[in-house]
Each structure stands twice: as C-alpha cells, then as structure tokens.
N, C-alpha and C. Protein backbone atom coordinates (compact mmCIF):
# COMPACT_ATOMS: atom_id res chain seq x y z
N MET A 1 -13.23 -29.94 -14.25
CA MET A 1 -13.15 -28.65 -13.63
C MET A 1 -12.52 -28.42 -12.55
N ASP A 2 -11.61 -27.43 -12.42
CA ASP A 2 -10.77 -27.05 -11.12
C ASP A 2 -11.43 -26.29 -10.21
N ALA A 3 -10.94 -26.18 -8.90
CA ALA A 3 -11.58 -25.65 -7.78
C ALA A 3 -11.84 -24.12 -8.04
N ALA A 4 -11.29 -23.35 -8.75
CA ALA A 4 -11.48 -21.98 -8.89
C ALA A 4 -12.53 -21.93 -10.00
N ALA A 5 -12.84 -22.60 -11.04
CA ALA A 5 -13.75 -22.71 -12.04
C ALA A 5 -15.02 -23.18 -11.33
N ALA A 6 -15.12 -24.19 -10.46
CA ALA A 6 -16.13 -24.42 -9.80
C ALA A 6 -16.63 -23.51 -8.75
N ALA A 7 -15.76 -22.79 -7.89
CA ALA A 7 -16.50 -21.63 -7.23
C ALA A 7 -16.84 -20.53 -7.99
N ALA A 8 -16.42 -20.19 -9.14
CA ALA A 8 -16.95 -19.25 -9.81
C ALA A 8 -18.23 -19.67 -10.55
N ALA A 9 -18.50 -20.90 -10.93
CA ALA A 9 -19.63 -21.31 -11.19
C ALA A 9 -20.70 -21.22 -10.32
N ALA A 10 -20.15 -21.59 -8.96
CA ALA A 10 -21.27 -21.48 -7.89
C ALA A 10 -21.57 -20.23 -7.30
N GLY A 11 -20.89 -19.19 -7.83
CA GLY A 11 -21.10 -17.91 -7.46
C GLY A 11 -20.23 -17.52 -6.30
N ALA A 12 -19.49 -18.27 -5.57
CA ALA A 12 -18.63 -18.05 -4.50
C ALA A 12 -17.49 -17.37 -4.94
N ALA A 13 -16.51 -16.71 -4.17
CA ALA A 13 -15.41 -16.07 -4.23
C ALA A 13 -14.33 -16.89 -4.48
N PRO A 14 -13.28 -16.73 -5.50
CA PRO A 14 -12.32 -17.62 -5.72
C PRO A 14 -11.37 -17.79 -4.64
N PRO A 15 -10.66 -19.01 -4.28
CA PRO A 15 -9.54 -18.98 -3.52
C PRO A 15 -8.63 -17.92 -3.57
N PRO A 16 -8.10 -17.42 -2.42
CA PRO A 16 -6.83 -16.43 -2.69
C PRO A 16 -5.82 -17.21 -3.42
N VAL A 17 -4.84 -16.31 -4.10
CA VAL A 17 -3.78 -16.74 -4.74
C VAL A 17 -2.73 -16.93 -3.71
N LEU A 18 -1.98 -18.03 -3.69
CA LEU A 18 -1.07 -18.34 -2.67
C LEU A 18 0.25 -18.35 -3.38
N HIS A 19 1.15 -17.64 -2.80
CA HIS A 19 2.53 -17.52 -3.17
C HIS A 19 3.47 -17.84 -2.18
N HIS A 20 4.72 -18.29 -2.38
CA HIS A 20 5.81 -18.42 -1.40
C HIS A 20 5.66 -19.74 -0.45
N TRP A 21 5.55 -20.84 -1.05
CA TRP A 21 5.21 -22.09 -0.27
C TRP A 21 3.79 -22.04 0.20
N GLY A 22 2.73 -21.50 -0.33
CA GLY A 22 1.24 -22.00 -0.06
C GLY A 22 0.83 -20.87 0.87
N MET A 23 1.53 -19.69 0.94
CA MET A 23 1.16 -18.68 1.98
C MET A 23 0.44 -17.68 1.20
N PRO A 24 -0.48 -16.90 1.65
CA PRO A 24 -0.88 -15.81 0.99
C PRO A 24 0.00 -14.84 0.97
N ASP A 25 0.04 -13.87 0.07
CA ASP A 25 1.24 -12.90 -0.23
C ASP A 25 0.61 -11.44 0.06
N GLY A 26 1.37 -10.64 0.69
CA GLY A 26 1.05 -9.15 0.71
C GLY A 26 0.81 -8.28 -0.41
N HIS A 27 1.52 -8.93 -1.71
CA HIS A 27 1.40 -8.32 -2.81
C HIS A 27 0.00 -8.17 -3.50
N ASP A 28 -0.67 -9.24 -3.18
CA ASP A 28 -2.05 -9.24 -3.70
C ASP A 28 -3.10 -8.53 -2.83
N SER A 29 -2.78 -7.49 -2.08
CA SER A 29 -3.55 -6.73 -1.13
C SER A 29 -4.42 -5.69 -2.13
N SER A 30 -5.75 -5.61 -1.57
CA SER A 30 -6.37 -4.59 -1.99
C SER A 30 -6.20 -3.18 -1.87
N LEU A 31 -5.32 -3.13 -0.98
CA LEU A 31 -4.80 -1.60 -0.52
C LEU A 31 -3.89 -0.94 -1.49
N LEU A 32 -3.39 -1.99 -2.36
CA LEU A 32 -2.24 -1.46 -3.34
C LEU A 32 -3.26 -0.62 -4.38
N LEU A 33 -4.49 -1.01 -4.75
CA LEU A 33 -5.41 -0.14 -5.54
C LEU A 33 -5.45 1.15 -4.93
N LEU A 34 -5.83 1.25 -3.66
CA LEU A 34 -5.96 2.60 -2.91
C LEU A 34 -4.69 3.44 -2.91
N GLU A 35 -3.50 2.78 -2.78
CA GLU A 35 -2.37 3.52 -2.86
C GLU A 35 -2.10 4.18 -4.31
N CYS A 36 -2.32 3.31 -5.48
CA CYS A 36 -2.25 3.84 -6.80
C CYS A 36 -3.21 4.98 -6.90
N LEU A 37 -4.57 4.99 -6.56
CA LEU A 37 -5.28 5.94 -6.64
C LEU A 37 -4.98 7.26 -5.95
N LEU A 38 -4.40 7.19 -4.84
CA LEU A 38 -3.96 8.38 -3.88
C LEU A 38 -2.66 8.87 -4.41
N GLY A 39 -1.92 8.07 -5.18
CA GLY A 39 -0.67 8.33 -5.80
C GLY A 39 -0.84 9.44 -7.00
N VAL A 40 -1.78 9.41 -7.57
CA VAL A 40 -2.02 10.34 -8.70
C VAL A 40 -2.34 11.67 -8.18
N PRO A 41 -3.32 12.16 -7.33
CA PRO A 41 -3.10 13.45 -6.92
C PRO A 41 -1.93 13.83 -6.07
N LEU A 42 -1.33 13.05 -5.50
CA LEU A 42 0.01 13.33 -5.08
C LEU A 42 1.14 13.68 -5.96
N ALA A 43 1.24 12.96 -6.99
CA ALA A 43 2.20 13.27 -8.15
C ALA A 43 1.89 14.64 -8.75
N LEU A 44 0.68 14.96 -8.77
CA LEU A 44 0.37 16.22 -9.55
C LEU A 44 0.38 17.27 -8.42
N GLY A 45 0.54 16.86 -7.10
CA GLY A 45 0.72 18.16 -6.37
C GLY A 45 -0.68 18.72 -6.00
N LEU A 46 -1.73 18.00 -5.99
CA LEU A 46 -3.12 18.46 -5.68
C LEU A 46 -3.78 17.89 -4.40
N TYR A 47 -4.08 18.86 -3.62
CA TYR A 47 -4.42 18.49 -2.25
C TYR A 47 -3.32 17.74 -1.36
N THR A 48 -2.08 18.14 -1.38
CA THR A 48 -0.72 17.46 -1.03
C THR A 48 -1.04 16.96 0.58
N ALA A 49 -1.51 17.97 1.38
CA ALA A 49 -1.43 17.73 2.66
C ALA A 49 -2.43 16.71 3.19
N GLY A 50 -3.63 16.70 2.66
CA GLY A 50 -4.80 15.71 2.96
C GLY A 50 -4.35 14.26 2.30
N VAL A 51 -3.96 14.44 0.88
CA VAL A 51 -3.50 13.10 0.42
C VAL A 51 -2.45 12.44 1.07
N SER A 52 -1.31 13.20 1.39
CA SER A 52 -0.20 12.48 2.01
C SER A 52 -0.52 11.86 3.50
N ARG A 53 -1.49 12.64 4.18
CA ARG A 53 -2.17 12.04 5.28
C ARG A 53 -2.67 10.62 5.12
N LEU A 54 -3.65 10.62 4.11
CA LEU A 54 -4.48 9.49 3.71
C LEU A 54 -3.40 8.40 3.12
N LEU A 55 -2.41 8.71 2.52
CA LEU A 55 -1.56 7.62 2.08
C LEU A 55 -0.79 7.03 2.96
N CYS A 56 -0.35 8.05 3.99
CA CYS A 56 0.44 7.34 5.20
C CYS A 56 -0.53 6.54 6.08
N LEU A 57 -1.67 6.74 6.16
CA LEU A 57 -2.46 5.82 6.83
C LEU A 57 -2.77 4.51 6.16
N VAL A 58 -2.73 4.60 4.84
CA VAL A 58 -2.94 3.22 4.13
C VAL A 58 -1.71 2.42 3.99
N LEU A 59 -0.57 3.24 4.03
CA LEU A 59 0.79 2.49 4.12
C LEU A 59 1.02 1.89 5.41
N LEU A 60 0.79 2.53 6.38
CA LEU A 60 0.72 2.04 7.72
C LEU A 60 -0.30 0.97 8.06
N ALA A 61 -1.27 0.95 7.30
CA ALA A 61 -2.33 -0.36 7.57
C ALA A 61 -1.85 -1.36 6.92
N GLU A 62 -1.30 -1.24 5.70
CA GLU A 62 -0.72 -2.42 4.68
C GLU A 62 0.61 -2.81 5.42
N ALA A 63 1.34 -2.13 6.23
CA ALA A 63 2.40 -2.73 6.81
C ALA A 63 2.12 -3.50 7.89
N VAL A 64 1.16 -3.01 8.83
CA VAL A 64 0.70 -3.77 9.82
C VAL A 64 -0.10 -5.03 9.64
N THR A 65 -0.92 -4.86 8.60
CA THR A 65 -1.76 -6.12 8.12
C THR A 65 -1.13 -7.15 7.24
N GLN A 66 -0.56 -6.50 6.32
CA GLN A 66 0.02 -7.62 5.16
C GLN A 66 1.40 -7.90 5.49
N TRP A 67 2.34 -7.12 6.17
CA TRP A 67 3.77 -7.45 6.21
C TRP A 67 4.23 -7.41 7.54
N ALA A 68 3.43 -8.25 8.47
CA ALA A 68 3.73 -8.66 9.75
C ALA A 68 4.69 -9.59 10.05
N TRP A 69 5.95 -9.18 10.06
CA TRP A 69 7.22 -9.99 9.90
C TRP A 69 7.38 -10.66 11.16
N TRP A 70 6.85 -10.18 12.34
CA TRP A 70 7.02 -10.77 13.67
C TRP A 70 6.16 -11.88 13.93
N ARG A 71 5.40 -12.22 13.18
CA ARG A 71 4.59 -13.37 13.20
C ARG A 71 5.41 -14.62 13.17
N SER A 72 4.86 -15.74 13.82
CA SER A 72 5.59 -16.96 13.55
C SER A 72 5.22 -17.78 12.42
N GLY A 73 6.01 -18.78 12.10
CA GLY A 73 5.43 -19.82 11.10
C GLY A 73 5.71 -19.25 9.63
N TRP A 74 6.91 -18.79 9.28
CA TRP A 74 7.32 -18.40 8.15
C TRP A 74 8.01 -19.53 7.53
N PRO A 75 7.89 -19.75 6.14
CA PRO A 75 8.50 -20.98 5.63
C PRO A 75 9.97 -21.16 5.67
N SER A 76 10.64 -19.71 5.64
CA SER A 76 12.03 -19.75 5.54
C SER A 76 12.41 -18.49 6.04
N TRP A 77 13.82 -18.24 6.42
CA TRP A 77 14.25 -16.98 6.94
C TRP A 77 14.20 -15.91 5.63
N HIS A 78 14.53 -16.49 4.45
CA HIS A 78 14.40 -15.53 3.19
C HIS A 78 13.05 -14.83 3.24
N TYR A 79 12.11 -15.48 3.41
CA TYR A 79 10.92 -14.86 3.29
C TYR A 79 10.49 -13.99 4.48
N ARG A 80 10.80 -14.34 5.47
CA ARG A 80 10.84 -13.58 6.57
C ARG A 80 11.67 -12.23 6.40
N GLN A 81 12.53 -12.20 5.89
CA GLN A 81 13.51 -10.99 5.41
C GLN A 81 12.68 -10.13 4.39
N HIS A 82 12.13 -10.80 3.40
CA HIS A 82 11.48 -10.28 2.38
C HIS A 82 10.18 -9.49 3.12
N VAL A 83 9.46 -10.03 3.87
CA VAL A 83 8.36 -9.32 4.45
C VAL A 83 8.86 -8.35 5.44
N ARG A 84 9.85 -8.38 6.05
CA ARG A 84 10.50 -7.47 7.12
C ARG A 84 10.90 -6.08 5.92
N ASP A 85 11.40 -6.51 5.14
CA ASP A 85 11.91 -5.37 4.17
C ASP A 85 10.72 -4.51 3.79
N HIS A 86 9.62 -5.31 3.14
CA HIS A 86 8.50 -4.44 2.76
C HIS A 86 7.83 -3.83 4.27
N PHE A 87 7.78 -4.10 5.24
CA PHE A 87 7.27 -3.39 6.56
C PHE A 87 8.03 -2.11 6.75
N PHE A 88 9.19 -2.29 6.60
CA PHE A 88 10.21 -1.03 7.06
C PHE A 88 10.16 -0.16 5.76
N THR A 89 9.95 -0.51 4.62
CA THR A 89 9.83 0.25 3.37
C THR A 89 8.72 1.05 3.47
N ASN A 90 7.54 0.41 3.84
CA ASN A 90 6.13 1.16 4.25
C ASN A 90 6.37 2.16 5.12
N THR A 91 6.82 1.79 6.33
CA THR A 91 6.64 2.74 7.43
C THR A 91 7.70 4.00 7.11
N ALA A 92 8.77 3.55 6.38
CA ALA A 92 9.84 4.89 6.13
C ALA A 92 9.13 5.76 4.91
N VAL A 93 8.40 5.16 3.90
CA VAL A 93 7.74 6.06 3.14
C VAL A 93 6.63 6.93 3.70
N ALA A 94 5.81 6.12 4.73
CA ALA A 94 4.79 6.86 5.52
C ALA A 94 5.46 8.03 6.41
N GLY A 95 6.72 7.92 6.76
CA GLY A 95 7.35 9.12 7.50
C GLY A 95 7.72 10.07 6.59
N GLY A 96 8.11 9.71 5.26
CA GLY A 96 8.17 10.78 4.33
C GLY A 96 7.28 11.44 3.91
N LEU A 97 6.18 10.85 4.02
CA LEU A 97 4.78 11.38 3.58
C LEU A 97 4.27 12.39 4.58
N LEU A 98 4.70 12.25 6.02
CA LEU A 98 4.39 13.04 6.97
C LEU A 98 5.14 14.31 6.79
N LEU A 99 6.50 14.17 6.27
CA LEU A 99 7.25 15.26 6.25
C LEU A 99 6.79 16.16 4.96
N MET A 100 6.15 15.57 3.98
CA MET A 100 5.84 16.26 2.83
C MET A 100 4.49 17.15 3.23
N GLN A 101 3.72 16.43 4.07
CA GLN A 101 2.41 16.90 4.68
C GLN A 101 2.82 18.24 5.58
N SER A 102 3.90 18.09 6.37
CA SER A 102 4.12 19.21 7.15
C SER A 102 4.95 20.47 6.33
N PHE A 103 5.94 20.17 5.49
CA PHE A 103 6.53 21.13 4.77
C PHE A 103 5.98 21.73 3.37
N GLY A 104 5.18 20.76 2.93
CA GLY A 104 4.56 21.12 1.66
C GLY A 104 5.13 20.45 0.42
N ALA A 105 4.68 20.55 -0.63
CA ALA A 105 5.12 19.67 -1.73
C ALA A 105 6.10 20.62 -2.64
N GLY A 106 6.12 22.02 -2.64
CA GLY A 106 6.93 22.83 -3.22
C GLY A 106 6.30 23.71 -3.94
N LEU A 107 6.94 24.40 -4.90
CA LEU A 107 6.38 25.56 -5.76
C LEU A 107 5.75 25.01 -6.94
N PHE A 108 6.33 24.13 -7.51
CA PHE A 108 5.68 23.48 -8.77
C PHE A 108 4.60 22.65 -8.72
N THR A 109 3.31 22.80 -7.94
CA THR A 109 2.40 22.08 -7.83
C THR A 109 0.90 22.72 -8.05
N VAL A 110 0.14 21.73 -8.26
CA VAL A 110 -1.35 22.29 -8.53
C VAL A 110 -1.79 23.13 -7.46
N ASP A 111 -1.41 22.76 -6.16
CA ASP A 111 -1.80 23.68 -5.01
C ASP A 111 -1.31 25.08 -5.14
N SER A 112 0.04 25.21 -5.51
CA SER A 112 0.64 26.51 -5.61
C SER A 112 -0.14 27.22 -6.62
N LEU A 113 -0.15 26.85 -7.80
CA LEU A 113 -1.26 27.32 -8.96
C LEU A 113 -2.28 27.92 -8.37
N LEU A 114 -3.18 26.93 -7.63
CA LEU A 114 -4.38 27.49 -7.15
C LEU A 114 -4.31 28.45 -6.09
N ALA A 115 -3.17 28.42 -5.40
CA ALA A 115 -3.06 29.46 -4.26
C ALA A 115 -2.64 30.92 -4.99
N LYS A 116 -1.92 30.89 -6.23
CA LYS A 116 -1.72 32.10 -6.78
C LYS A 116 -2.92 32.74 -7.45
N GLN A 117 -3.98 32.01 -7.88
CA GLN A 117 -5.07 32.50 -8.63
C GLN A 117 -5.96 33.08 -7.35
N ASP A 118 -5.92 32.86 -6.23
CA ASP A 118 -6.82 33.38 -5.20
C ASP A 118 -6.49 34.72 -4.84
C-alpha cells in the first residue's frame, strides 16, 4: 500500500501533489475553483461590478500566495520564470477587471437587460 492509500485509509488528508522537482505547484490551488465560479456570472454580464471586484481580489490573492516568484530556492531559473509569468498575468488580468468594474461590461449583458426592464 502506498502512502496516499494509507493516508486515505487512516482518514488523513492525502499529501499534496508535487510537480516541478518535488515542489508544490500553484496550478493545484483551490482558488482556481473560485475563479471558475466567479467567471460564469462575469461571462454572462450579471452583477459585473461586484463580480469583477471579487475576481480581482481572488486573482491578487492567488498571485501573492501561489506565484511568489521573489522567494528563493527555486529549482531552476526556468521554473522561476514560469512562476513570474503567472504572477504578472494574474496582476494584469486583475487590472483589466478593475477597468471593467469602473467602465461597465457594455450594452449586451444581463445587467443592461435588467436595467431596461426597470
């Protein structure tokens, strides 16, 4: 019986999945589920201002906690560059979401349809 099966049989949480030379990876973050859930109303244009603010906070939290490229001890410069790219992508998308929050999502959204009905 391997370690994961023994931990599951004992009722303990399984060990984290380790990628990239035995290090935990930011791709396995539970914040990704929250990002996907918040992406649905954003794609529909429902409650755009509030959802974009929440998604901005989640992306910044993921960038700081999962993609901290300034930490030392990366196994190679390739992996450090990979982490840095994720960090700056998350912060750039968060900035775009702030723009969407301030300017609105446009005319063809559920928010605009609800505003026309009032």
